[in-house]
Amino acid sequence: MTLARTGEIIPREKVNLDKRYPIYIADTIGVSSPYQKLHWHDVLEINYIKSGSGYYVINGKRFEFRQGDILLINSNDLHCAYEVKDLVIMVIEFDMSWFVSSLRYDPEILSPYKDMGIHFTNLLDRTSPHIEELRTLLLEMQQEHEQARPSYISLVYAHLLRFLSCVNRYFRLEDARQCSSTNVSSLQLEKMRQVIHAMEEKLSHPWTLEELAAIVYLSPSRFSDIFRRAVGTSPLEYLIQLRLEHALMLLEQTQLKVMDVAMECGFRSLSNFNHLFKKHIGKSPKHARMRQHNTLSLKE
């Protein structure tokens, strides 16, 4: 599915990688709140699920994943992730320009991304007899990256090159569109982005479901259904996530009182703000403020 990017409603996230070694490899535990928001970035991504379970919403399609699964995320994929249980993900991000020289000899090396949605799906077939080979390559790549022994850059590159070659050879489908389990169109997804933009512009506004639905001329029930399928959560729950993420930034970067932060982010009750902040962020607002204070003290 090709998405209209007119107006840059959700800005593309810029990932800064070393031009001499344009790859990032690390494990993440769970899914932090920023990545539960719809986002997209300028690098290609591979996720290997080391343990646990969860799901991605990518361009309006929902992909349930579990331990052992491998996902590919393209640079133009609008996506967000959610944890279900005990999630640990190996995240690999790399710049496609790293493979410019290889494209001269193998023009199809980046086909798993170039033909995403046409001949490839974001979630690779976990029943394939070749999936274990891919898992081994990713683990060996991470080991080389972390140990950083002589010539490790060449070996990381070689492992990634082999990984992409194997995906291109063994995981190509005749028509990946037949595998789609959703009917969220690009037009509907664009409408949801318009609503999200309105939320972000007026976080403190006491939005109602009816007001949000009216932005894109839909009934509240129809809007809620499309939003949940496109984003993975309800409109008002997503609004809470946006507000809490902004509140965390204010607590860590300003001297505003906790009550003032709550009001600025659209919470009408301090007790409700404290409860939701602890539930979603994993610590109290006062704890976040203390962390900011301690960081400033160390700098002094």
C-alpha atoms as a PDB file:
ATOM      1  CA  MET A   1       0.000   0.000   0.000  1.00  0.00           C
ATOM      2  CA  THR A   2       1.384   3.402  -0.974  1.00  0.00           C
ATOM      3  CA  LEU A   3       0.638   6.155   1.495  1.00  0.00           C
ATOM      4  CA  ALA A   4       0.237   9.821   0.708  1.00  0.00           C
ATOM      5  CA  ARG A   5       2.798  11.838   2.660  1.00  0.00           C
ATOM      6  CA  THR A   6       1.344  15.231   1.796  1.00  0.00           C
ATOM      7  CA  GLY A   7       1.890  17.784   4.525  1.00  0.00           C
ATOM      8  CA  GLU A   8       4.187  15.563   6.606  1.00  0.00           C
ATOM      9  CA  ILE A   9       1.365  15.139   9.161  1.00  0.00           C
ATOM     10  CA  ILE A  10       3.484  12.616  11.028  1.00  0.00           C
ATOM     11  CA  PRO A  11       7.123  13.707  10.469  1.00  0.00           C
ATOM     12  CA  ARG A  12       9.584  11.043   9.378  1.00  0.00           C
ATOM     13  CA  GLU A  13      11.879  10.139  12.266  1.00  0.00           C
ATOM     14  CA  LYS A  14      15.533  10.798  11.436  1.00  0.00           C
ATOM     15  CA  VAL A  15      17.826   8.010  12.662  1.00  0.00           C
ATOM     16  CA  ASN A  16      21.443   9.131  12.835  1.00  0.00           C
ATOM     17  CA  LEU A  17      23.831   6.306  11.962  1.00  0.00           C
ATOM     18  CA  ASP A  18      27.595   6.363  11.474  1.00  0.00           C
ATOM     19  CA  LYS A  19      28.184   6.789   7.739  1.00  0.00           C
ATOM     20  CA  ARG A  20      31.124   4.380   7.946  1.00  0.00           C
ATOM     21  CA  TYR A  21      29.052   1.782   9.767  1.00  0.00           C
ATOM     22  CA  PRO A  22      25.385   2.648   9.183  1.00  0.00           C
ATOM     23  CA  ILE A  23      23.709   0.037  11.356  1.00  0.00           C
ATOM     24  CA  TYR A  24      22.169  -0.125  14.827  1.00  0.00           C
ATOM     25  CA  ILE A  25      21.739  -3.444  16.672  1.00  0.00           C
ATOM     26  CA  ALA A  26      20.360  -3.754  20.206  1.00  0.00           C
ATOM     27  CA  ASP A  27      17.826  -5.601  22.325  1.00  0.00           C
ATOM     28  CA  THR A  28      14.799  -3.759  23.661  1.00  0.00           C
ATOM     29  CA  ILE A  29      12.684  -4.918  26.604  1.00  0.00           C
ATOM     30  CA  GLY A  30       9.001  -4.259  26.127  1.00  0.00           C
ATOM     31  CA  VAL A  31       7.725  -1.363  24.020  1.00  0.00           C
ATOM     32  CA  SER A  32       8.369   2.170  25.294  1.00  0.00           C
ATOM     33  CA  SER A  33       5.513   4.665  25.018  1.00  0.00           C
ATOM     34  CA  PRO A  34       6.984   6.603  22.026  1.00  0.00           C
ATOM     35  CA  TYR A  35       6.864   3.442  19.922  1.00  0.00           C
ATOM     36  CA  GLN A  36       3.240   2.839  20.809  1.00  0.00           C
ATOM     37  CA  LYS A  37       2.583   5.977  18.753  1.00  0.00           C
ATOM     38  CA  LEU A  38       2.332   5.841  14.974  1.00  0.00           C
ATOM     39  CA  HIS A  39       5.729   6.698  13.513  1.00  0.00           C
ATOM     40  CA  TRP A  40       7.957   6.076  10.526  1.00  0.00           C
ATOM     41  CA  HIS A  41      11.654   6.581   9.927  1.00  0.00           C
ATOM     42  CA  ASP A  42      14.288   6.894   7.229  1.00  0.00           C
ATOM     43  CA  VAL A  43      16.010   3.529   7.772  1.00  0.00           C
ATOM     44  CA  LEU A  44      15.199  -0.099   7.053  1.00  0.00           C
ATOM     45  CA  GLU A  45      14.423  -2.255  10.076  1.00  0.00           C
ATOM     46  CA  ILE A  46      14.526  -5.915  11.106  1.00  0.00           C
ATOM     47  CA  ASN A  47      12.920  -7.164  14.324  1.00  0.00           C
ATOM     48  CA  TYR A  48      13.705 -10.588  15.787  1.00  0.00           C
ATOM     49  CA  ILE A  49      11.392 -11.560  18.649  1.00  0.00           C
ATOM     50  CA  LYS A  50      13.682 -13.183  21.218  1.00  0.00           C
ATOM     51  CA  SER A  51      10.952 -13.817  23.773  1.00  0.00           C
ATOM     52  CA  GLY A  52       7.402 -12.944  24.642  1.00  0.00           C
ATOM     53  CA  SER A  53       4.598 -11.758  22.407  1.00  0.00           C
ATOM     54  CA  GLY A  54       2.878  -8.658  21.090  1.00  0.00           C
ATOM     55  CA  TYR A  55       1.615  -7.134  17.888  1.00  0.00           C
ATOM     56  CA  TYR A  56       2.479  -4.501  15.306  1.00  0.00           C
ATOM     57  CA  VAL A  57       0.079  -2.282  13.418  1.00  0.00           C
ATOM     58  CA  ILE A  58       1.784  -1.485  10.108  1.00  0.00           C
ATOM     59  CA  ASN A  59      -0.013   0.620   7.503  1.00  0.00           C
ATOM     60  CA  GLY A  60      -3.319  -0.411   9.014  1.00  0.00           C
ATOM     61  CA  LYS A  61      -2.527  -4.133   9.077  1.00  0.00           C
ATOM     62  CA  ARG A  62      -2.229  -5.982  12.379  1.00  0.00           C
ATOM     63  CA  PHE A  63       0.566  -8.557  12.784  1.00  0.00           C
ATOM     64  CA  GLU A  64       0.532 -10.758  15.890  1.00  0.00           C
ATOM     65  CA  PHE A  65       4.056 -11.931  16.756  1.00  0.00           C
ATOM     66  CA  ARG A  66       5.637 -14.325  19.236  1.00  0.00           C
ATOM     67  CA  GLN A  67       9.030 -15.732  20.177  1.00  0.00           C
ATOM     68  CA  GLY A  68      11.078 -16.678  17.113  1.00  0.00           C
ATOM     69  CA  ASP A  69       9.249 -14.417  14.661  1.00  0.00           C
ATOM     70  CA  ILE A  70      11.069 -12.047  12.302  1.00  0.00           C
ATOM     71  CA  LEU A  71       9.554  -8.846  10.913  1.00  0.00           C
ATOM     72  CA  LEU A  72      10.753  -6.420   8.256  1.00  0.00           C
ATOM     73  CA  ILE A  73       9.735  -2.760   8.467  1.00  0.00           C
ATOM     74  CA  ASN A  74      10.239  -0.515   5.464  1.00  0.00           C
ATOM     75  CA  SER A  75      11.307   3.120   5.598  1.00  0.00           C
ATOM     76  CA  ASN A  76       7.836   4.263   4.492  1.00  0.00           C
ATOM     77  CA  ASP A  77       5.864   1.971   6.814  1.00  0.00           C
ATOM     78  CA  LEU A  78       3.677   3.847   9.287  1.00  0.00           C
ATOM     79  CA  HIS A  79       3.734   1.621  12.349  1.00  0.00           C
ATOM     80  CA  CYS A  80       3.401   1.192  16.110  1.00  0.00           C
ATOM     81  CA  ALA A  81       4.021  -1.751  18.428  1.00  0.00           C
ATOM     82  CA  TYR A  82       2.380  -3.165  21.532  1.00  0.00           C
ATOM     83  CA  GLU A  83       3.556  -5.700  24.099  1.00  0.00           C
ATOM     84  CA  VAL A  84       1.339  -8.543  25.257  1.00  0.00           C
ATOM     85  CA  LYS A  85       3.728 -10.439  27.535  1.00  0.00           C
ATOM     86  CA  ASP A  86       7.455 -10.526  28.477  1.00  0.00           C
ATOM     87  CA  LEU A  87       8.662  -8.994  25.219  1.00  0.00           C
ATOM     88  CA  VAL A  88      12.330  -8.826  24.199  1.00  0.00           C
ATOM     89  CA  ILE A  89      13.105  -7.733  20.624  1.00  0.00           C
ATOM     90  CA  MET A  90      16.386  -7.567  18.767  1.00  0.00           C
ATOM     91  CA  VAL A  91      16.097  -4.354  16.743  1.00  0.00           C
ATOM     92  CA  ILE A  92      18.290  -3.838  13.689  1.00  0.00           C
ATOM     93  CA  GLU A  93      18.145  -0.553  11.786  1.00  0.00           C
ATOM     94  CA  PHE A  94      20.344   0.128   8.775  1.00  0.00           C
ATOM     95  CA  ASP A  95      20.768   2.608   5.956  1.00  0.00           C
ATOM     96  CA  MET A  96      19.876   1.229   2.551  1.00  0.00           C
ATOM     97  CA  SER A  97      22.780   3.198   1.049  1.00  0.00           C
ATOM     98  CA  TRP A  98      25.125   0.637   2.635  1.00  0.00           C
ATOM     99  CA  PHE A  99      24.127  -1.742  -0.153  1.00  0.00           C
ATOM    100  CA  VAL A 100      24.635   0.531  -3.138  1.00  0.00           C
ATOM    101  CA  SER A 101      27.697  -1.383  -4.297  1.00  0.00           C
ATOM    102  CA  SER A 102      25.935  -4.744  -3.907  1.00  0.00           C
ATOM    103  CA  LEU A 103      23.027  -3.528  -6.047  1.00  0.00           C
ATOM    104  CA  ARG A 104      25.365  -3.398  -9.040  1.00  0.00           C
ATOM    105  CA  TYR A 105      25.846  -7.161  -8.827  1.00  0.00           C
ATOM    106  CA  ASP A 106      22.474  -8.151  -7.363  1.00  0.00           C
ATOM    107  CA  PRO A 107      19.743  -5.598  -8.184  1.00  0.00           C
ATOM    108  CA  GLU A 108      17.237  -7.670  -6.204  1.00  0.00           C
ATOM    109  CA  ILE A 109      19.073  -7.606  -2.874  1.00  0.00           C
ATOM    110  CA  LEU A 110      16.675  -5.038  -1.366  1.00  0.00           C
ATOM    111  CA  SER A 111      13.547  -6.549  -2.931  1.00  0.00           C
ATOM    112  CA  PRO A 112      12.174  -7.663   0.455  1.00  0.00           C
ATOM    113  CA  TYR A 113      11.699  -3.953   1.180  1.00  0.00           C
ATOM    114  CA  LYS A 114      11.215  -2.618  -2.344  1.00  0.00           C
ATOM    115  CA  ASP A 115       8.446  -5.149  -3.059  1.00  0.00           C
ATOM    116  CA  MET A 116       6.933  -5.094   0.432  1.00  0.00           C
ATOM    117  CA  GLY A 117       3.197  -5.639   0.221  1.00  0.00           C
ATOM    118  CA  ILE A 118       3.495  -7.012  -3.311  1.00  0.00           C
ATOM    119  CA  HIS A 119       5.756 -10.071  -3.015  1.00  0.00           C
ATOM    120  CA  PHE A 120       6.716  -9.901   0.672  1.00  0.00           C
ATOM    121  CA  THR A 121       4.884  -9.417   3.971  1.00  0.00           C
ATOM    122  CA  ASN A 122       6.188  -7.624   7.059  1.00  0.00           C
ATOM    123  CA  LEU A 123       5.950 -10.803   9.133  1.00  0.00           C
ATOM    124  CA  LEU A 124       8.040 -13.609   7.629  1.00  0.00           C
ATOM    125  CA  ASP A 125       6.484 -17.074   7.445  1.00  0.00           C
ATOM    126  CA  ARG A 126       7.294 -18.731  10.784  1.00  0.00           C
ATOM    127  CA  THR A 127       6.562 -22.185   9.291  1.00  0.00           C
ATOM    128  CA  SER A 128       9.209 -21.881   6.567  1.00  0.00           C
ATOM    129  CA  PRO A 129      12.033 -24.462   6.769  1.00  0.00           C
ATOM    130  CA  HIS A 130      14.459 -21.560   6.224  1.00  0.00           C
ATOM    131  CA  ILE A 131      13.353 -19.424   9.183  1.00  0.00           C
ATOM    132  CA  GLU A 132      15.911 -21.032  11.516  1.00  0.00           C
ATOM    133  CA  GLU A 133      18.738 -20.070   9.150  1.00  0.00           C
ATOM    134  CA  LEU A 134      17.601 -16.436   9.365  1.00  0.00           C
ATOM    135  CA  ARG A 135      17.460 -16.556  13.177  1.00  0.00           C
ATOM    136  CA  THR A 136      21.011 -17.912  13.318  1.00  0.00           C
ATOM    137  CA  LEU A 137      22.282 -15.202  10.973  1.00  0.00           C
ATOM    138  CA  LEU A 138      20.738 -12.463  13.112  1.00  0.00           C
ATOM    139  CA  LEU A 139      22.198 -13.830  16.337  1.00  0.00           C
ATOM    140  CA  GLU A 140      25.657 -14.197  14.781  1.00  0.00           C
ATOM    141  CA  MET A 141      25.374 -10.663  13.408  1.00  0.00           C
ATOM    142  CA  GLN A 142      24.548  -9.304  16.861  1.00  0.00           C
ATOM    143  CA  GLN A 143      27.447 -11.207  18.410  1.00  0.00           C
ATOM    144  CA  GLU A 144      29.915  -9.761  15.906  1.00  0.00           C
ATOM    145  CA  HIS A 145      28.504  -6.288  16.463  1.00  0.00           C
ATOM    146  CA  GLU A 146      28.777  -6.478  20.251  1.00  0.00           C
ATOM    147  CA  GLN A 147      32.221  -8.104  20.432  1.00  0.00           C
ATOM    148  CA  ALA A 148      33.671  -5.687  17.848  1.00  0.00           C
ATOM    149  CA  ARG A 149      36.673  -7.895  17.081  1.00  0.00           C
ATOM    150  CA  PRO A 150      38.959  -7.278  14.060  1.00  0.00           C
ATOM    151  CA  SER A 151      37.007  -7.095  10.761  1.00  0.00           C
ATOM    152  CA  TYR A 152      33.663  -7.204  12.595  1.00  0.00           C
ATOM    153  CA  ILE A 153      32.180  -4.571  10.269  1.00  0.00           C
ATOM    154  CA  SER A 154      32.829  -6.779   7.249  1.00  0.00           C
ATOM    155  CA  LEU A 155      31.297  -9.785   9.017  1.00  0.00           C
ATOM    156  CA  VAL A 156      28.210  -7.850  10.120  1.00  0.00           C
ATOM    157  CA  TYR A 157      27.795  -6.664   6.534  1.00  0.00           C
ATOM    158  CA  ALA A 158      28.256 -10.216   5.237  1.00  0.00           C
ATOM    159  CA  HIS A 159      25.671 -11.627   7.654  1.00  0.00           C
ATOM    160  CA  LEU A 160      23.169  -8.922   6.703  1.00  0.00           C
ATOM    161  CA  LEU A 161      23.836  -9.463   3.004  1.00  0.00           C
ATOM    162  CA  ARG A 162      23.212 -13.187   3.408  1.00  0.00           C
ATOM    163  CA  PHE A 163      20.081 -12.531   5.458  1.00  0.00           C
ATOM    164  CA  LEU A 164      18.594 -10.316   2.732  1.00  0.00           C
ATOM    165  CA  SER A 165      19.573 -12.826   0.043  1.00  0.00           C
ATOM    166  CA  CYS A 166      17.852 -15.671   1.895  1.00  0.00           C
ATOM    167  CA  VAL A 167      14.691 -13.634   2.442  1.00  0.00           C
ATOM    168  CA  ASN A 168      14.631 -12.725  -1.245  1.00  0.00           C
ATOM    169  CA  ARG A 169      15.140 -16.342  -2.309  1.00  0.00           C
ATOM    170  CA  TYR A 170      12.944 -18.241   0.140  1.00  0.00           C
ATOM    171  CA  PHE A 171      10.225 -15.860   1.341  1.00  0.00           C
ATOM    172  CA  ARG A 172       8.998 -14.306  -1.915  1.00  0.00           C
ATOM    173  CA  LEU A 173       5.272 -14.733  -2.560  1.00  0.00           C
ATOM    174  CA  GLU A 174       3.356 -14.663  -5.811  1.00  0.00           C
ATOM    175  CA  ASP A 175       0.976 -12.052  -4.443  1.00  0.00           C
ATOM    176  CA  ALA A 176       1.410 -10.867  -0.854  1.00  0.00           C
ATOM    177  CA  ARG A 177      -1.797  -8.856  -1.110  1.00  0.00           C
ATOM    178  CA  GLN A 178      -3.780 -12.080  -0.757  1.00  0.00           C
ATOM    179  CA  CYS A 179      -2.283 -12.440   2.747  1.00  0.00           C
ATOM    180  CA  SER A 180      -3.789  -9.174   3.966  1.00  0.00           C
ATOM    181  CA  SER A 181      -6.127  -9.612   6.931  1.00  0.00           C
ATOM    182  CA  THR A 182      -7.407  -6.037   7.005  1.00  0.00           C
ATOM    183  CA  ASN A 183      -9.408  -3.723   4.808  1.00  0.00           C
ATOM    184  CA  VAL A 184      -8.093  -0.370   6.051  1.00  0.00           C
ATOM    185  CA  SER A 185      -7.511   1.571   2.855  1.00  0.00           C
ATOM    186  CA  SER A 186      -4.805   4.169   2.291  1.00  0.00           C
ATOM    187  CA  LEU A 187      -7.528   6.849   2.243  1.00  0.00           C
ATOM    188  CA  GLN A 188      -8.870   5.692   5.603  1.00  0.00           C
ATOM    189  CA  LEU A 189      -5.370   5.588   7.056  1.00  0.00           C
ATOM    190  CA  GLU A 190      -4.759   9.130   5.833  1.00  0.00           C
ATOM    191  CA  LYS A 191      -7.955  10.238   7.598  1.00  0.00           C
ATOM    192  CA  MET A 192      -6.749   8.689  10.856  1.00  0.00           C
ATOM    193  CA  ARG A 193      -3.486  10.602  10.479  1.00  0.00           C
ATOM    194  CA  GLN A 194      -5.501  13.823  10.156  1.00  0.00           C
ATOM    195  CA  VAL A 195      -7.225  13.054  13.448  1.00  0.00           C
ATOM    196  CA  ILE A 196      -3.928  12.255  15.165  1.00  0.00           C
ATOM    197  CA  HIS A 197      -2.515  15.552  13.917  1.00  0.00           C
ATOM    198  CA  ALA A 198      -5.508  17.384  15.420  1.00  0.00           C
ATOM    199  CA  MET A 199      -4.961  15.587  18.742  1.00  0.00           C
ATOM    200  CA  GLU A 200      -1.285  16.559  18.788  1.00  0.00           C
ATOM    201  CA  GLU A 201      -2.049  20.184  17.924  1.00  0.00           C
ATOM    202  CA  LYS A 202      -4.580  20.557  20.775  1.00  0.00           C
ATOM    203  CA  LEU A 203      -3.593  18.069  23.465  1.00  0.00           C
ATOM    204  CA  SER A 204      -5.333  19.967  26.268  1.00  0.00           C
ATOM    205  CA  HIS A 205      -8.658  20.203  24.430  1.00  0.00           C
ATOM    206  CA  PRO A 206     -11.355  18.053  26.065  1.00  0.00           C
ATOM    207  CA  TRP A 207     -11.859  15.947  22.949  1.00  0.00           C
ATOM    208  CA  THR A 208     -14.973  13.820  22.649  1.00  0.00           C
ATOM    209  CA  LEU A 209     -15.357  10.847  20.342  1.00  0.00           C
ATOM    210  CA  GLU A 210     -17.967  12.792  18.389  1.00  0.00           C
ATOM    211  CA  GLU A 211     -15.603  15.729  17.809  1.00  0.00           C
ATOM    212  CA  LEU A 212     -12.777  13.493  16.607  1.00  0.00           C
ATOM    213  CA  ALA A 213     -15.088  11.604  14.253  1.00  0.00           C
ATOM    214  CA  ALA A 214     -16.437  14.874  12.844  1.00  0.00           C
ATOM    215  CA  ILE A 215     -12.923  15.907  11.707  1.00  0.00           C
ATOM    216  CA  VAL A 216     -13.076  13.195   9.025  1.00  0.00           C
ATOM    217  CA  TYR A 217     -16.874  13.232   8.517  1.00  0.00           C
ATOM    218  CA  LEU A 218     -17.525   9.788  10.006  1.00  0.00           C
ATOM    219  CA  SER A 219     -20.006   8.524  12.560  1.00  0.00           C
ATOM    220  CA  PRO A 220     -18.453   7.877  15.992  1.00  0.00           C
ATOM    221  CA  SER A 221     -18.934   4.109  15.695  1.00  0.00           C
ATOM    222  CA  ARG A 222     -17.496   3.914  12.176  1.00  0.00           C
ATOM    223  CA  PHE A 223     -14.596   6.175  13.142  1.00  0.00           C
ATOM    224  CA  SER A 224     -13.802   4.127  16.260  1.00  0.00           C
ATOM    225  CA  ASP A 225     -13.771   0.899  14.262  1.00  0.00           C
ATOM    226  CA  ILE A 226     -11.394   2.240  11.595  1.00  0.00           C
ATOM    227  CA  PHE A 227      -9.139   3.942  14.137  1.00  0.00           C
ATOM    228  CA  ARG A 228      -8.778   0.789  16.243  1.00  0.00           C
ATOM    229  CA  ARG A 229      -7.926  -1.321  13.178  1.00  0.00           C
ATOM    230  CA  ALA A 230      -5.494   1.277  11.828  1.00  0.00           C
ATOM    231  CA  VAL A 231      -3.729   2.170  15.072  1.00  0.00           C
ATOM    232  CA  GLY A 232      -4.295  -0.808  17.357  1.00  0.00           C
ATOM    233  CA  THR A 233      -6.116   1.024  20.150  1.00  0.00           C
ATOM    234  CA  SER A 234      -9.169   3.210  20.658  1.00  0.00           C
ATOM    235  CA  PRO A 235      -9.065   6.945  19.793  1.00  0.00           C
ATOM    236  CA  LEU A 236      -9.403   8.128  23.395  1.00  0.00           C
ATOM    237  CA  GLU A 237      -6.849   5.625  24.683  1.00  0.00           C
ATOM    238  CA  TYR A 238      -4.416   6.839  22.019  1.00  0.00           C
ATOM    239  CA  LEU A 239      -5.098  10.436  23.085  1.00  0.00           C
ATOM    240  CA  ILE A 240      -4.155   9.502  26.657  1.00  0.00           C
ATOM    241  CA  GLN A 241      -0.865   8.065  25.384  1.00  0.00           C
ATOM    242  CA  LEU A 242      -0.079  11.300  23.523  1.00  0.00           C
ATOM    243  CA  ARG A 243      -0.878  13.407  26.591  1.00  0.00           C
ATOM    244  CA  LEU A 244       1.236  11.280  28.913  1.00  0.00           C
ATOM    245  CA  GLU A 245       4.206  11.326  26.564  1.00  0.00           C
ATOM    246  CA  HIS A 246       4.031  15.133  26.450  1.00  0.00           C
ATOM    247  CA  ALA A 247       3.640  15.251  30.225  1.00  0.00           C
ATOM    248  CA  LEU A 248       6.796  13.167  30.666  1.00  0.00           C
ATOM    249  CA  MET A 249       8.721  15.599  28.463  1.00  0.00           C
ATOM    250  CA  LEU A 250       7.477  18.586  30.484  1.00  0.00           C
ATOM    251  CA  LEU A 251       8.350  16.947  33.787  1.00  0.00           C
ATOM    252  CA  GLU A 252      11.865  16.094  32.632  1.00  0.00           C
ATOM    253  CA  GLN A 253      12.649  19.326  30.782  1.00  0.00           C
ATOM    254  CA  THR A 254      10.784  22.113  32.608  1.00  0.00           C
ATOM    255  CA  GLN A 255      10.182  23.332  36.156  1.00  0.00           C
ATOM    256  CA  LEU A 256       6.386  23.345  35.829  1.00  0.00           C
ATOM    257  CA  LYS A 257       4.521  22.046  38.854  1.00  0.00           C
ATOM    258  CA  VAL A 258       2.965  18.593  38.492  1.00  0.00           C
ATOM    259  CA  MET A 259      -0.522  20.099  38.690  1.00  0.00           C
ATOM    260  CA  ASP A 260       0.292  22.588  35.927  1.00  0.00           C
ATOM    261  CA  VAL A 261       1.690  19.798  33.744  1.00  0.00           C
ATOM    262  CA  ALA A 262      -1.502  17.809  34.239  1.00  0.00           C
ATOM    263  CA  MET A 263      -3.670  20.785  33.265  1.00  0.00           C
ATOM    264  CA  GLU A 264      -1.542  21.669  30.223  1.00  0.00           C
ATOM    265  CA  CYS A 265      -1.795  18.101  28.946  1.00  0.00           C
ATOM    266  CA  GLY A 266      -5.563  17.949  29.230  1.00  0.00           C
ATOM    267  CA  PHE A 267      -6.066  16.153  32.544  1.00  0.00           C
ATOM    268  CA  ARG A 268      -8.761  17.729  34.713  1.00  0.00           C
ATOM    269  CA  SER A 269      -7.934  15.741  37.842  1.00  0.00           C
ATOM    270  CA  LEU A 270      -4.523  15.386  39.488  1.00  0.00           C
ATOM    271  CA  SER A 271      -5.439  12.003  40.958  1.00  0.00           C
ATOM    272  CA  ASN A 272      -6.473  10.689  37.525  1.00  0.00           C
ATOM    273  CA  PHE A 273      -3.267  12.064  36.000  1.00  0.00           C
ATOM    274  CA  ASN A 274      -1.127  10.376  38.684  1.00  0.00           C
ATOM    275  CA  HIS A 275      -2.942   7.065  38.205  1.00  0.00           C
ATOM    276  CA  LEU A 276      -2.660   7.044  34.399  1.00  0.00           C
ATOM    277  CA  PHE A 277       0.953   8.266  34.438  1.00  0.00           C
ATOM    278  CA  LYS A 278       2.001   5.437  36.764  1.00  0.00           C
ATOM    279  CA  LYS A 279       0.047   2.878  34.721  1.00  0.00           C
ATOM    280  CA  HIS A 280       1.415   3.851  31.304  1.00  0.00           C
ATOM    281  CA  ILE A 281       4.873   5.292  32.051  1.00  0.00           C
ATOM    282  CA  GLY A 282       5.767   2.921  34.879  1.00  0.00           C
ATOM    283  CA  LYS A 283       6.650   5.553  37.489  1.00  0.00           C
ATOM    284  CA  SER A 284       4.940   8.413  39.266  1.00  0.00           C
ATOM    285  CA  PRO A 285       5.114  12.032  38.019  1.00  0.00           C
ATOM    286  CA  LYS A 286       7.065  12.957  41.165  1.00  0.00           C
ATOM    287  CA  HIS A 287       9.601  10.219  40.399  1.00  0.00           C
ATOM    288  CA  ALA A 288      10.039  11.582  36.873  1.00  0.00           C
ATOM    289  CA  ARG A 289      10.549  15.084  38.301  1.00  0.00           C
ATOM    290  CA  MET A 290      13.096  13.786  40.853  1.00  0.00           C
ATOM    291  CA  ARG A 291      15.033  12.102  38.053  1.00  0.00           C
ATOM    292  CA  GLN A 292      15.175  15.405  36.177  1.00  0.00           C
ATOM    293  CA  HIS A 293      16.318  17.227  39.321  1.00  0.00           C
ATOM    294  CA  ASN A 294      19.027  14.631  40.036  1.00  0.00           C
ATOM    295  CA  THR A 295      20.295  14.872  36.450  1.00  0.00           C
ATOM    296  CA  LEU A 296      20.627  18.656  36.732  1.00  0.00           C
ATOM    297  CA  SER A 297      22.436  18.324  40.081  1.00  0.00           C
ATOM    298  CA  LEU A 298      24.983  15.948  38.572  1.00  0.00           C
ATOM    299  CA  LYS A 299      25.665  18.394  35.749  1.00  0.00           C
ATOM    300  CA  GLU A 300      26.326  21.160  38.246  1.00  0.00           C
END
